[in-house]
């Protein structure tokens, strides 16, 4: 689909204005995303250290082992018990 050159010339200032208006919001959204990511990493580290300090029974009951990106079509290898 090809646009008429007159339509493109008339809509260019409007599209540019929308871009200029929303660019700071995109920057703030990226900044907040980075801050939230760093905060999540810090909280994850704190919780990991808290579970390490706790007993083995607590760690085994709360540990989350399911990983959605893994698929075990041929079955999962069993861990050997010492």
C-alpha atoms as a PDB file:
ATOM      1  CA  UNK A   1       0.000   0.000   0.000  1.00  0.00           C
ATOM      2  CA  UNK A   2       1.524   3.268  -1.081  1.00  0.00           C
ATOM      3  CA  UNK A   3       0.530   6.558   0.502  1.00  0.00           C
ATOM      4  CA  UNK A   4       0.014   9.700  -1.466  1.00  0.00           C
ATOM      5  CA  UNK A   5       2.909  12.193  -1.032  1.00  0.00           C
ATOM      6  CA  UNK A   6       0.562  15.014   0.011  1.00  0.00           C
ATOM      7  CA  UNK A   7      -0.880  12.900   2.820  1.00  0.00           C
ATOM      8  CA  UNK A   8       2.620  12.013   3.987  1.00  0.00           C
ATOM      9  CA  UNK A   9       3.680  15.666   3.998  1.00  0.00           C
ATOM     10  CA  UNK A  10       0.584  16.709   5.962  1.00  0.00           C
ATOM     11  CA  UNK A  11       0.854  13.927   8.555  1.00  0.00           C
ATOM     12  CA  UNK A  12       4.617  14.182   9.130  1.00  0.00           C
ATOM     13  CA  UNK A  13       4.403  17.111  11.597  1.00  0.00           C
ATOM     14  CA  UNK A  14       1.665  15.364  13.583  1.00  0.00           C
ATOM     15  CA  UNK A  15       3.602  12.112  13.789  1.00  0.00           C
ATOM     16  CA  UNK A  16       6.752  14.015  14.769  1.00  0.00           C
ATOM     17  CA  UNK A  17       4.887  15.926  17.475  1.00  0.00           C
ATOM     18  CA  UNK A  18       3.484  12.698  18.927  1.00  0.00           C
ATOM     19  CA  UNK A  19       7.000  11.226  18.914  1.00  0.00           C
ATOM     20  CA  UNK A  20       8.489  14.248  20.675  1.00  0.00           C
ATOM     21  CA  UNK A  21       5.703  14.310  23.273  1.00  0.00           C
ATOM     22  CA  UNK A  22       5.924  10.606  24.146  1.00  0.00           C
ATOM     23  CA  UNK A  23       9.730  10.260  24.046  1.00  0.00           C
ATOM     24  CA  UNK A  24      10.214  11.406  27.674  1.00  0.00           C
ATOM     25  CA  UNK A  25       7.553   8.948  28.838  1.00  0.00           C
ATOM     26  CA  UNK A  26       9.408   6.151  27.074  1.00  0.00           C
ATOM     27  CA  UNK A  27      12.626   7.256  28.784  1.00  0.00           C
ATOM     28  CA  UNK A  28      10.979   7.321  32.218  1.00  0.00           C
ATOM     29  CA  UNK A  29       9.417   3.911  31.595  1.00  0.00           C
ATOM     30  CA  UNK A  30      12.845   2.498  30.729  1.00  0.00           C
ATOM     31  CA  UNK A  31      14.379   4.106  33.820  1.00  0.00           C
ATOM     32  CA  UNK A  32      11.681   2.660  36.107  1.00  0.00           C
ATOM     33  CA  UNK A  33      12.082  -0.746  34.424  1.00  0.00           C
ATOM     34  CA  UNK A  34      15.826  -0.734  35.145  1.00  0.00           C
ATOM     35  CA  UNK A  35      15.268   0.353  38.758  1.00  0.00           C
ATOM     36  CA  UNK A  36      12.626  -2.359  39.301  1.00  0.00           C
ATOM     37  CA  UNK A  37      14.914  -4.970  37.782  1.00  0.00           C
ATOM     38  CA  UNK A  38      17.767  -3.988  40.098  1.00  0.00           C
ATOM     39  CA  UNK A  39      15.398  -3.986  43.080  1.00  0.00           C
ATOM     40  CA  UNK A  40      14.113  -7.454  42.159  1.00  0.00           C
ATOM     41  CA  UNK A  41      17.688  -8.742  41.942  1.00  0.00           C
ATOM     42  CA  UNK A  42      18.516  -7.306  45.371  1.00  0.00           C
ATOM     43  CA  UNK A  43      15.357  -8.790  46.910  1.00  0.00           C
ATOM     44  CA  UNK A  44      16.109 -12.124  45.291  1.00  0.00           C
ATOM     45  CA  UNK A  45      19.613 -12.094  46.734  1.00  0.00           C
ATOM     46  CA  UNK A  46      18.296 -11.196  50.183  1.00  0.00           C
ATOM     47  CA  UNK A  47      15.680 -13.960  50.119  1.00  0.00           C
ATOM     48  CA  UNK A  48      18.231 -16.467  48.825  1.00  0.00           C
ATOM     49  CA  UNK A  49      20.577 -15.654  51.705  1.00  0.00           C
ATOM     50  CA  UNK A  50      17.683 -15.868  54.171  1.00  0.00           C
ATOM     51  CA  UNK A  51      16.799 -19.365  52.940  1.00  0.00           C
ATOM     52  CA  UNK A  52      20.444 -20.407  53.124  1.00  0.00           C
ATOM     53  CA  UNK A  53      20.518 -19.311  56.754  1.00  0.00           C
ATOM     54  CA  UNK A  54      17.359 -21.307  57.482  1.00  0.00           C
ATOM     55  CA  UNK A  55      17.107 -25.030  58.151  1.00  0.00           C
ATOM     56  CA  UNK A  56      17.171 -27.766  55.506  1.00  0.00           C
ATOM     57  CA  UNK A  57      13.539 -28.697  56.131  1.00  0.00           C
ATOM     58  CA  UNK A  58      12.357 -25.156  55.386  1.00  0.00           C
ATOM     59  CA  UNK A  59      14.481 -24.948  52.275  1.00  0.00           C
ATOM     60  CA  UNK A  60      13.163 -28.233  50.883  1.00  0.00           C
ATOM     61  CA  UNK A  61       9.526 -27.315  51.433  1.00  0.00           C
ATOM     62  CA  UNK A  62       9.745 -23.839  49.916  1.00  0.00           C
ATOM     63  CA  UNK A  63      12.114 -24.562  47.018  1.00  0.00           C
ATOM     64  CA  UNK A  64      10.535 -24.001  43.617  1.00  0.00           C
ATOM     65  CA  UNK A  65      11.897 -26.491  41.068  1.00  0.00           C
ATOM     66  CA  UNK A  66       9.593 -26.083  38.084  1.00  0.00           C
ATOM     67  CA  UNK A  67      11.209 -24.214  35.185  1.00  0.00           C
ATOM     68  CA  UNK A  68       8.741 -23.418  32.388  1.00  0.00           C
ATOM     69  CA  UNK A  69      11.423 -23.265  29.678  1.00  0.00           C
ATOM     70  CA  UNK A  70      12.545 -26.863  30.287  1.00  0.00           C
ATOM     71  CA  UNK A  71      10.762 -29.790  28.735  1.00  0.00           C
ATOM     72  CA  UNK A  72      11.428 -33.396  29.643  1.00  0.00           C
ATOM     73  CA  UNK A  73       9.938 -35.347  26.750  1.00  0.00           C
ATOM     74  CA  UNK A  74      12.273 -38.309  27.341  1.00  0.00           C
ATOM     75  CA  UNK A  75      11.807 -38.193  31.085  1.00  0.00           C
ATOM     76  CA  UNK A  76      13.761 -36.453  33.770  1.00  0.00           C
ATOM     77  CA  UNK A  77      17.014 -37.866  35.083  1.00  0.00           C
ATOM     78  CA  UNK A  78      16.710 -39.029  38.657  1.00  0.00           C
ATOM     79  CA  UNK A  79      19.212 -37.679  41.155  1.00  0.00           C
ATOM     80  CA  UNK A  80      21.250 -40.271  42.978  1.00  0.00           C
ATOM     81  CA  UNK A  81      20.779 -40.328  46.729  1.00  0.00           C
ATOM     82  CA  UNK A  82      24.060 -40.455  48.623  1.00  0.00           C
END
